[in-house]
């Protein structure tokens, strides 16, 4: 029963996102292919990875990753930012153009979170938050992602 309910919620978030993306395609606002959309979501979730970190995470060659990144830079969804620590290294940073695109799904997430806070007492909301924190941090170790401003230890970096 838990699996069915979780799957239902996850599916509804995905379908809402796809619905909004397709409406933008009709309006000719979207310029990302499906694969590029997945690449951008991964890069955004990894929090300023290098090309090699991105390539390693998705298990593709660095030249293939560089090709995909170059296309996303040309379209204005990514920029390369030189590392403060190693001037030879560049981090991939999403642009405002991507943030605007990404907000299609984030706005709905915020709406649902607001509805949760209105529907449930604060202690149940806090319990849900704690459960989600444990799921993300402890029960999904295969997918390490940075929280905003967080740096992953070397042993947790995607390999």
N, C-alpha and C. Protein backbone atom coordinates (compact mmCIF):
# COMPACT_ATOMS: atom_id res chain seq x y z
N UNK A 1 0.82 -1.19 0.00
CA UNK A 1 0.00 0.00 0.00
C UNK A 1 0.87 1.27 0.00
N UNK A 2 1.92 1.29 0.82
CA UNK A 2 2.83 2.44 0.88
C UNK A 2 3.45 2.69 -0.49
N UNK A 3 3.92 1.63 -1.12
CA UNK A 3 4.55 1.76 -2.44
C UNK A 3 3.57 2.35 -3.45
N UNK A 4 2.35 1.88 -3.43
CA UNK A 4 1.33 2.37 -4.36
C UNK A 4 1.06 3.86 -4.14
N UNK A 5 0.94 4.27 -2.90
CA UNK A 5 0.65 5.68 -2.60
C UNK A 5 1.83 6.58 -2.97
N UNK A 6 3.04 6.13 -2.65
CA UNK A 6 4.23 6.92 -2.98
C UNK A 6 4.35 7.04 -4.50
N UNK A 7 4.15 5.94 -5.20
CA UNK A 7 4.22 5.95 -6.66
C UNK A 7 3.18 6.90 -7.26
N UNK A 8 2.01 6.93 -6.67
CA UNK A 8 0.96 7.82 -7.15
C UNK A 8 1.38 9.28 -7.02
N UNK A 9 1.94 9.65 -5.87
CA UNK A 9 2.38 11.04 -5.66
C UNK A 9 3.51 11.38 -6.62
N UNK A 10 4.50 10.50 -6.73
CA UNK A 10 5.63 10.73 -7.63
C UNK A 10 5.15 10.89 -9.08
N UNK A 11 4.24 10.03 -9.50
CA UNK A 11 3.71 10.08 -10.86
C UNK A 11 2.96 11.39 -11.11
N UNK A 12 2.20 11.84 -10.14
CA UNK A 12 1.46 13.10 -10.31
C UNK A 12 2.41 14.29 -10.46
N UNK A 13 3.50 14.31 -9.70
CA UNK A 13 4.48 15.38 -9.87
C UNK A 13 5.09 15.33 -11.28
N UNK A 14 5.45 14.14 -11.74
CA UNK A 14 6.02 14.01 -13.08
C UNK A 14 5.03 14.44 -14.15
N UNK A 15 3.80 13.97 -14.04
CA UNK A 15 2.79 14.30 -15.05
C UNK A 15 2.50 15.79 -15.09
N UNK A 16 2.46 16.44 -13.95
CA UNK A 16 2.25 17.89 -13.93
C UNK A 16 3.38 18.59 -14.67
N UNK A 17 4.63 18.17 -14.40
CA UNK A 17 5.77 18.75 -15.09
C UNK A 17 5.67 18.55 -16.59
N UNK A 18 5.39 17.31 -17.02
CA UNK A 18 5.29 17.03 -18.46
C UNK A 18 4.18 17.83 -19.10
N UNK A 19 3.06 17.95 -18.40
CA UNK A 19 1.92 18.71 -18.92
C UNK A 19 2.33 20.16 -19.18
N UNK A 20 3.05 20.76 -18.24
CA UNK A 20 3.48 22.15 -18.40
C UNK A 20 4.55 22.29 -19.49
N UNK A 21 5.47 21.33 -19.57
CA UNK A 21 6.49 21.37 -20.62
C UNK A 21 5.84 21.29 -21.99
N UNK A 22 4.87 20.39 -22.15
CA UNK A 22 4.21 20.26 -23.45
C UNK A 22 3.42 21.52 -23.81
N UNK A 23 2.84 22.18 -22.83
CA UNK A 23 2.12 23.41 -23.15
C UNK A 23 3.10 24.48 -23.62
N UNK A 24 4.32 24.48 -23.08
CA UNK A 24 5.34 25.43 -23.55
C UNK A 24 5.81 25.09 -24.95
N UNK A 25 5.88 23.79 -25.26
CA UNK A 25 6.28 23.38 -26.61
C UNK A 25 5.28 23.90 -27.61
N UNK A 26 3.99 23.80 -27.28
CA UNK A 26 2.95 24.31 -28.18
C UNK A 26 3.11 25.81 -28.39
N UNK A 27 3.52 26.51 -27.33
CA UNK A 27 3.72 27.95 -27.42
C UNK A 27 5.10 28.30 -27.97
N UNK A 28 5.89 27.29 -28.34
CA UNK A 28 7.23 27.43 -28.89
C UNK A 28 8.21 28.09 -27.91
N UNK A 29 7.97 27.94 -26.61
CA UNK A 29 8.87 28.52 -25.62
C UNK A 29 9.99 27.57 -25.24
N UNK A 30 9.74 26.27 -25.34
CA UNK A 30 10.74 25.30 -24.88
C UNK A 30 11.73 25.01 -26.00
N UNK A 31 13.00 24.90 -25.64
CA UNK A 31 14.00 24.60 -26.66
C UNK A 31 14.91 23.45 -26.22
N UNK A 32 14.51 22.70 -25.21
CA UNK A 32 15.31 21.57 -24.75
C UNK A 32 14.73 20.26 -25.28
N UNK A 33 15.62 19.38 -25.74
CA UNK A 33 15.18 18.04 -26.10
C UNK A 33 14.93 17.26 -24.81
N UNK A 34 14.36 16.09 -24.93
CA UNK A 34 14.11 15.25 -23.76
C UNK A 34 15.41 14.92 -23.04
N UNK A 35 16.43 14.51 -23.79
CA UNK A 35 17.72 14.16 -23.19
C UNK A 35 18.34 15.39 -22.54
N UNK A 36 18.25 16.54 -23.18
CA UNK A 36 18.79 17.76 -22.60
C UNK A 36 18.06 18.12 -21.30
N UNK A 37 16.76 17.90 -21.27
CA UNK A 37 15.99 18.16 -20.05
C UNK A 37 16.50 17.28 -18.92
N UNK A 38 16.72 15.99 -19.21
CA UNK A 38 17.25 15.09 -18.19
C UNK A 38 18.64 15.54 -17.75
N UNK A 39 19.48 15.92 -18.70
CA UNK A 39 20.84 16.39 -18.36
C UNK A 39 20.77 17.61 -17.45
N UNK A 40 19.90 18.54 -17.77
CA UNK A 40 19.78 19.75 -16.95
C UNK A 40 19.28 19.42 -15.55
N UNK A 41 18.32 18.53 -15.45
CA UNK A 41 17.82 18.16 -14.12
C UNK A 41 18.93 17.52 -13.29
N UNK A 42 19.74 16.70 -13.92
CA UNK A 42 20.85 16.03 -13.22
C UNK A 42 21.89 17.07 -12.78
N UNK A 43 22.28 17.94 -13.70
CA UNK A 43 23.29 18.96 -13.38
C UNK A 43 22.77 19.86 -12.26
N UNK A 44 21.53 20.27 -12.35
CA UNK A 44 20.94 21.12 -11.31
C UNK A 44 20.94 20.40 -9.96
N UNK A 45 20.54 19.13 -9.95
CA UNK A 45 20.49 18.36 -8.70
C UNK A 45 21.88 18.11 -8.12
N UNK A 46 22.88 17.93 -8.98
CA UNK A 46 24.24 17.69 -8.49
C UNK A 46 24.87 18.95 -7.89
N UNK A 47 24.32 20.11 -8.22
CA UNK A 47 24.80 21.34 -7.59
C UNK A 47 26.18 21.77 -8.05
N UNK A 48 26.30 22.27 -9.26
CA UNK A 48 27.55 22.79 -9.82
C UNK A 48 28.64 21.72 -9.98
N UNK A 49 28.31 20.62 -10.65
CA UNK A 49 29.34 19.60 -10.87
C UNK A 49 30.32 20.05 -11.95
N UNK A 50 31.45 19.38 -12.02
CA UNK A 50 32.35 19.56 -13.16
C UNK A 50 31.81 18.67 -14.28
N UNK A 51 32.34 18.84 -15.48
CA UNK A 51 31.93 17.98 -16.60
C UNK A 51 32.24 16.52 -16.26
N UNK A 52 33.41 16.29 -15.66
CA UNK A 52 33.78 14.90 -15.30
C UNK A 52 32.85 14.31 -14.25
N UNK A 53 32.44 15.11 -13.27
CA UNK A 53 31.49 14.61 -12.27
C UNK A 53 30.15 14.27 -12.92
N UNK A 54 29.69 15.14 -13.81
CA UNK A 54 28.45 14.88 -14.54
C UNK A 54 28.58 13.61 -15.38
N UNK A 55 29.68 13.49 -16.14
CA UNK A 55 29.90 12.32 -16.99
C UNK A 55 29.93 11.04 -16.15
N UNK A 56 30.61 11.10 -15.04
CA UNK A 56 30.72 9.95 -14.16
C UNK A 56 29.36 9.56 -13.60
N UNK A 57 28.58 10.54 -13.19
CA UNK A 57 27.27 10.26 -12.60
C UNK A 57 26.34 9.57 -13.59
N UNK A 58 26.34 10.04 -14.84
CA UNK A 58 25.44 9.45 -15.84
C UNK A 58 26.08 8.32 -16.62
N UNK A 59 27.35 8.03 -16.27
CA UNK A 59 28.06 6.90 -16.86
C UNK A 59 28.23 7.05 -18.38
N UNK A 60 28.69 8.24 -18.80
CA UNK A 60 29.03 8.48 -20.20
C UNK A 60 30.46 8.99 -20.25
N UNK A 61 31.05 9.00 -21.43
CA UNK A 61 32.43 9.47 -21.56
C UNK A 61 32.49 10.99 -21.37
N UNK A 62 33.61 11.49 -20.87
CA UNK A 62 33.76 12.95 -20.74
C UNK A 62 33.57 13.70 -22.08
N UNK A 63 34.07 13.18 -23.22
CA UNK A 63 33.81 13.89 -24.47
C UNK A 63 32.32 13.95 -24.82
N UNK A 64 31.59 12.86 -24.55
CA UNK A 64 30.15 12.85 -24.80
C UNK A 64 29.46 13.86 -23.88
N UNK A 65 29.88 13.90 -22.61
CA UNK A 65 29.31 14.87 -21.67
C UNK A 65 29.62 16.30 -22.12
N UNK A 66 30.85 16.53 -22.58
CA UNK A 66 31.24 17.86 -23.03
C UNK A 66 30.38 18.29 -24.22
N UNK A 67 30.09 17.37 -25.12
CA UNK A 67 29.23 17.67 -26.27
C UNK A 67 27.84 18.12 -25.81
N UNK A 68 27.27 17.38 -24.87
CA UNK A 68 25.94 17.72 -24.34
C UNK A 68 25.98 19.07 -23.62
N UNK A 69 27.02 19.29 -22.83
CA UNK A 69 27.17 20.54 -22.08
C UNK A 69 27.31 21.71 -23.05
N UNK A 70 28.12 21.55 -24.09
CA UNK A 70 28.31 22.64 -25.07
C UNK A 70 26.99 23.06 -25.70
N UNK A 71 26.14 22.09 -26.01
CA UNK A 71 24.83 22.39 -26.58
C UNK A 71 23.98 23.19 -25.59
N UNK A 72 24.04 22.80 -24.32
CA UNK A 72 23.25 23.49 -23.29
C UNK A 72 23.79 24.89 -23.01
N UNK A 73 25.10 25.07 -23.14
CA UNK A 73 25.70 26.40 -23.00
C UNK A 73 25.24 27.28 -24.15
N UNK A 74 25.28 26.75 -25.39
CA UNK A 74 24.86 27.52 -26.56
C UNK A 74 23.40 27.95 -26.46
N UNK A 75 22.57 27.09 -25.86
CA UNK A 75 21.14 27.42 -25.73
C UNK A 75 20.87 28.35 -24.55
N UNK A 76 21.89 28.61 -23.75
CA UNK A 76 21.75 29.55 -22.66
C UNK A 76 21.23 28.98 -21.34
N UNK A 77 21.25 27.66 -21.20
CA UNK A 77 20.76 27.03 -19.96
C UNK A 77 21.87 26.78 -18.95
N UNK A 78 23.12 26.77 -19.40
CA UNK A 78 24.28 26.53 -18.53
C UNK A 78 25.36 27.55 -18.80
N UNK A 79 26.17 27.78 -17.76
CA UNK A 79 27.43 28.51 -17.94
C UNK A 79 28.52 27.70 -17.25
N UNK A 80 29.75 27.93 -17.68
CA UNK A 80 30.90 27.31 -17.02
C UNK A 80 31.50 28.36 -16.09
N UNK A 81 31.71 27.97 -14.84
CA UNK A 81 32.28 28.88 -13.85
C UNK A 81 33.62 28.33 -13.39
N UNK A 82 34.67 29.13 -13.51
CA UNK A 82 36.01 28.67 -13.12
C UNK A 82 36.08 28.43 -11.62
N UNK A 83 36.70 27.32 -11.25
CA UNK A 83 36.85 26.95 -9.85
C UNK A 83 37.79 27.91 -9.14
N UNK A 84 37.45 28.27 -7.91
CA UNK A 84 38.33 29.10 -7.09
C UNK A 84 39.55 28.31 -6.64
N UNK A 85 39.36 27.00 -6.42
CA UNK A 85 40.43 26.15 -5.92
C UNK A 85 41.43 25.73 -7.00
N UNK A 86 40.92 25.34 -8.16
CA UNK A 86 41.76 24.84 -9.25
C UNK A 86 41.35 25.57 -10.52
N UNK A 87 42.16 26.51 -10.94
CA UNK A 87 41.81 27.36 -12.08
C UNK A 87 41.67 26.59 -13.39
N UNK A 88 42.12 25.33 -13.42
CA UNK A 88 41.97 24.51 -14.63
C UNK A 88 40.59 23.86 -14.68
N UNK A 89 39.86 23.90 -13.58
CA UNK A 89 38.59 23.21 -13.46
C UNK A 89 37.42 24.19 -13.58
N UNK A 90 36.37 23.75 -14.24
CA UNK A 90 35.17 24.57 -14.40
C UNK A 90 33.97 23.81 -13.86
N UNK A 91 33.08 24.55 -13.20
CA UNK A 91 31.84 23.98 -12.68
C UNK A 91 30.69 24.39 -13.59
N UNK A 92 29.71 23.50 -13.71
CA UNK A 92 28.55 23.77 -14.54
C UNK A 92 27.48 24.43 -13.66
N UNK A 93 27.04 25.60 -14.07
CA UNK A 93 26.05 26.36 -13.29
C UNK A 93 24.83 26.63 -14.16
N UNK A 94 23.67 26.39 -13.59
CA UNK A 94 22.44 26.66 -14.33
C UNK A 94 22.21 28.17 -14.38
N UNK A 95 21.59 28.62 -15.45
CA UNK A 95 21.31 30.04 -15.64
C UNK A 95 19.88 30.35 -15.20
N UNK A 96 19.57 31.64 -15.19
CA UNK A 96 18.20 32.06 -14.86
C UNK A 96 17.22 31.49 -15.88
N UNK A 97 17.66 31.36 -17.12
CA UNK A 97 16.79 30.79 -18.16
C UNK A 97 16.35 29.38 -17.75
N UNK A 98 17.29 28.58 -17.23
CA UNK A 98 16.91 27.24 -16.78
C UNK A 98 16.06 27.32 -15.52
N UNK A 99 16.41 28.20 -14.60
CA UNK A 99 15.63 28.32 -13.36
C UNK A 99 14.17 28.64 -13.68
N UNK A 100 13.96 29.51 -14.66
CA UNK A 100 12.59 29.83 -15.08
C UNK A 100 11.90 28.58 -15.63
N UNK A 101 12.63 27.79 -16.41
CA UNK A 101 12.09 26.55 -16.97
C UNK A 101 11.81 25.55 -15.85
N UNK A 102 12.76 25.42 -14.92
CA UNK A 102 12.64 24.48 -13.81
C UNK A 102 11.50 24.85 -12.87
N UNK A 103 11.23 26.13 -12.74
CA UNK A 103 10.18 26.58 -11.83
C UNK A 103 8.80 26.09 -12.23
N UNK A 104 8.68 25.56 -13.46
CA UNK A 104 7.42 24.94 -13.87
C UNK A 104 7.03 23.88 -12.84
N UNK A 105 7.98 23.04 -12.47
CA UNK A 105 7.67 21.97 -11.51
C UNK A 105 7.80 22.44 -10.07
N UNK A 106 8.72 23.37 -9.79
CA UNK A 106 8.92 23.81 -8.42
C UNK A 106 7.72 24.59 -7.90
N UNK A 107 7.06 25.36 -8.75
CA UNK A 107 5.88 26.11 -8.32
C UNK A 107 4.78 25.16 -7.89
N UNK A 108 4.62 24.06 -8.60
CA UNK A 108 3.60 23.08 -8.22
C UNK A 108 3.98 22.40 -6.91
N UNK A 109 5.25 22.10 -6.74
CA UNK A 109 5.72 21.53 -5.48
C UNK A 109 5.40 22.47 -4.32
N UNK A 110 5.66 23.76 -4.50
CA UNK A 110 5.37 24.74 -3.46
C UNK A 110 3.86 24.79 -3.17
N UNK A 111 3.04 24.68 -4.21
CA UNK A 111 1.59 24.66 -4.03
C UNK A 111 1.16 23.47 -3.19
N UNK A 112 1.69 22.30 -3.53
CA UNK A 112 1.35 21.08 -2.78
C UNK A 112 1.84 21.18 -1.34
N UNK A 113 3.04 21.72 -1.13
CA UNK A 113 3.56 21.87 0.24
C UNK A 113 2.66 22.81 1.05
N UNK A 114 2.21 23.87 0.44
CA UNK A 114 1.30 24.80 1.11
C UNK A 114 -0.01 24.09 1.49
N UNK A 115 -0.51 23.27 0.58
CA UNK A 115 -1.74 22.52 0.87
C UNK A 115 -1.54 21.54 2.01
N UNK A 116 -0.36 20.92 2.06
CA UNK A 116 -0.05 20.00 3.16
C UNK A 116 -0.06 20.76 4.49
N UNK A 117 0.59 21.93 4.51
CA UNK A 117 0.64 22.72 5.74
C UNK A 117 -0.73 23.20 6.18
N UNK A 118 -1.63 23.43 5.23
CA UNK A 118 -3.00 23.83 5.58
C UNK A 118 -3.84 22.66 6.06
N UNK A 119 -3.61 21.49 5.48
CA UNK A 119 -4.44 20.30 5.75
C UNK A 119 -4.07 19.57 7.04
N UNK A 120 -2.78 19.53 7.39
CA UNK A 120 -2.31 18.73 8.51
C UNK A 120 -1.82 19.61 9.66
N UNK A 121 -1.94 19.09 10.88
CA UNK A 121 -1.41 19.85 12.03
C UNK A 121 0.12 19.96 11.94
N UNK A 122 0.69 21.01 12.55
CA UNK A 122 2.14 21.24 12.46
C UNK A 122 2.99 20.04 12.89
N UNK A 123 2.57 19.29 13.89
CA UNK A 123 3.38 18.15 14.32
C UNK A 123 3.40 17.04 13.27
N UNK A 124 2.33 16.87 12.51
CA UNK A 124 2.33 15.87 11.43
C UNK A 124 3.18 16.35 10.25
N UNK A 125 3.14 17.65 9.98
CA UNK A 125 3.99 18.21 8.92
C UNK A 125 5.46 18.02 9.31
N UNK A 126 5.79 18.29 10.57
CA UNK A 126 7.17 18.10 11.04
C UNK A 126 7.58 16.64 10.94
N UNK A 127 6.66 15.73 11.24
CA UNK A 127 6.96 14.29 11.14
C UNK A 127 7.19 13.89 9.68
N UNK A 128 6.38 14.42 8.78
CA UNK A 128 6.57 14.15 7.34
C UNK A 128 7.91 14.68 6.88
N UNK A 129 8.26 15.88 7.33
CA UNK A 129 9.56 16.46 6.97
C UNK A 129 10.70 15.57 7.46
N UNK A 130 10.60 15.07 8.68
CA UNK A 130 11.64 14.19 9.23
C UNK A 130 11.73 12.88 8.45
N UNK A 131 10.59 12.32 8.09
CA UNK A 131 10.57 11.07 7.31
C UNK A 131 11.23 11.29 5.95
N UNK A 132 10.89 12.39 5.29
CA UNK A 132 11.48 12.68 3.99
C UNK A 132 12.99 12.92 4.10
N UNK A 133 13.41 13.57 5.18
CA UNK A 133 14.83 13.79 5.42
C UNK A 133 15.58 12.46 5.55
N UNK A 134 15.02 11.54 6.32
CA UNK A 134 15.64 10.21 6.50
C UNK A 134 15.67 9.46 5.18
N UNK A 135 14.58 9.52 4.44
CA UNK A 135 14.54 8.84 3.13
C UNK A 135 15.65 9.37 2.24
N UNK A 136 15.77 10.70 2.13
CA UNK A 136 16.75 11.31 1.25
C UNK A 136 18.18 11.06 1.71
N UNK A 137 18.46 11.23 3.00
CA UNK A 137 19.83 11.17 3.51
C UNK A 137 20.31 9.76 3.82
N UNK A 138 19.41 8.89 4.27
CA UNK A 138 19.85 7.57 4.74
C UNK A 138 19.41 6.41 3.85
N UNK A 139 18.22 6.49 3.28
CA UNK A 139 17.68 5.34 2.56
C UNK A 139 17.93 5.40 1.06
N UNK A 140 18.57 6.48 0.59
CA UNK A 140 18.88 6.61 -0.83
C UNK A 140 20.35 6.98 -1.02
N UNK A 141 21.27 6.20 -0.43
CA UNK A 141 22.69 6.57 -0.49
C UNK A 141 23.29 6.48 -1.90
N UNK A 142 22.62 5.79 -2.81
CA UNK A 142 23.16 5.65 -4.18
C UNK A 142 23.11 6.97 -4.95
N UNK A 143 22.30 7.89 -4.49
CA UNK A 143 22.11 9.15 -5.21
C UNK A 143 22.50 10.32 -4.31
N UNK A 144 23.81 10.57 -4.19
CA UNK A 144 24.23 11.71 -3.36
C UNK A 144 24.04 13.01 -4.12
N UNK A 145 23.33 13.93 -3.54
CA UNK A 145 23.20 15.26 -4.13
C UNK A 145 23.51 16.30 -3.07
N UNK A 146 23.96 17.45 -3.52
CA UNK A 146 24.26 18.55 -2.62
C UNK A 146 22.99 19.34 -2.32
N UNK A 147 22.89 19.75 -1.10
CA UNK A 147 21.88 20.74 -0.77
C UNK A 147 22.51 22.08 -1.12
N UNK A 148 21.72 23.13 -1.32
CA UNK A 148 22.32 24.42 -1.66
C UNK A 148 23.41 24.81 -0.67
N UNK A 149 24.60 25.11 -1.20
CA UNK A 149 25.72 25.52 -0.38
C UNK A 149 26.52 24.38 0.22
N UNK A 150 26.06 23.14 0.07
CA UNK A 150 26.75 21.99 0.66
C UNK A 150 27.78 21.44 -0.32
N UNK A 151 28.91 20.98 0.20
CA UNK A 151 29.94 20.34 -0.61
C UNK A 151 29.96 18.86 -0.24
N UNK A 152 29.93 18.00 -1.24
CA UNK A 152 29.97 16.57 -0.97
C UNK A 152 31.38 16.14 -0.60
N UNK A 153 31.52 15.32 0.44
CA UNK A 153 32.85 14.75 0.72
C UNK A 153 33.27 13.89 -0.46
N UNK A 154 34.59 13.73 -0.65
CA UNK A 154 35.09 12.96 -1.80
C UNK A 154 34.49 11.57 -1.87
N UNK A 155 34.31 10.89 -0.74
CA UNK A 155 33.80 9.53 -0.80
C UNK A 155 32.34 9.49 -1.22
N UNK A 156 31.62 10.61 -1.18
CA UNK A 156 30.23 10.62 -1.59
C UNK A 156 30.02 11.17 -2.99
N UNK A 157 31.08 11.66 -3.60
CA UNK A 157 30.92 12.20 -4.95
C UNK A 157 30.53 11.09 -5.91
N UNK A 158 29.71 11.41 -6.91
CA UNK A 158 29.37 10.40 -7.90
C UNK A 158 30.62 9.85 -8.55
N UNK A 159 30.70 8.53 -8.70
CA UNK A 159 31.88 7.95 -9.32
C UNK A 159 31.54 7.18 -10.55
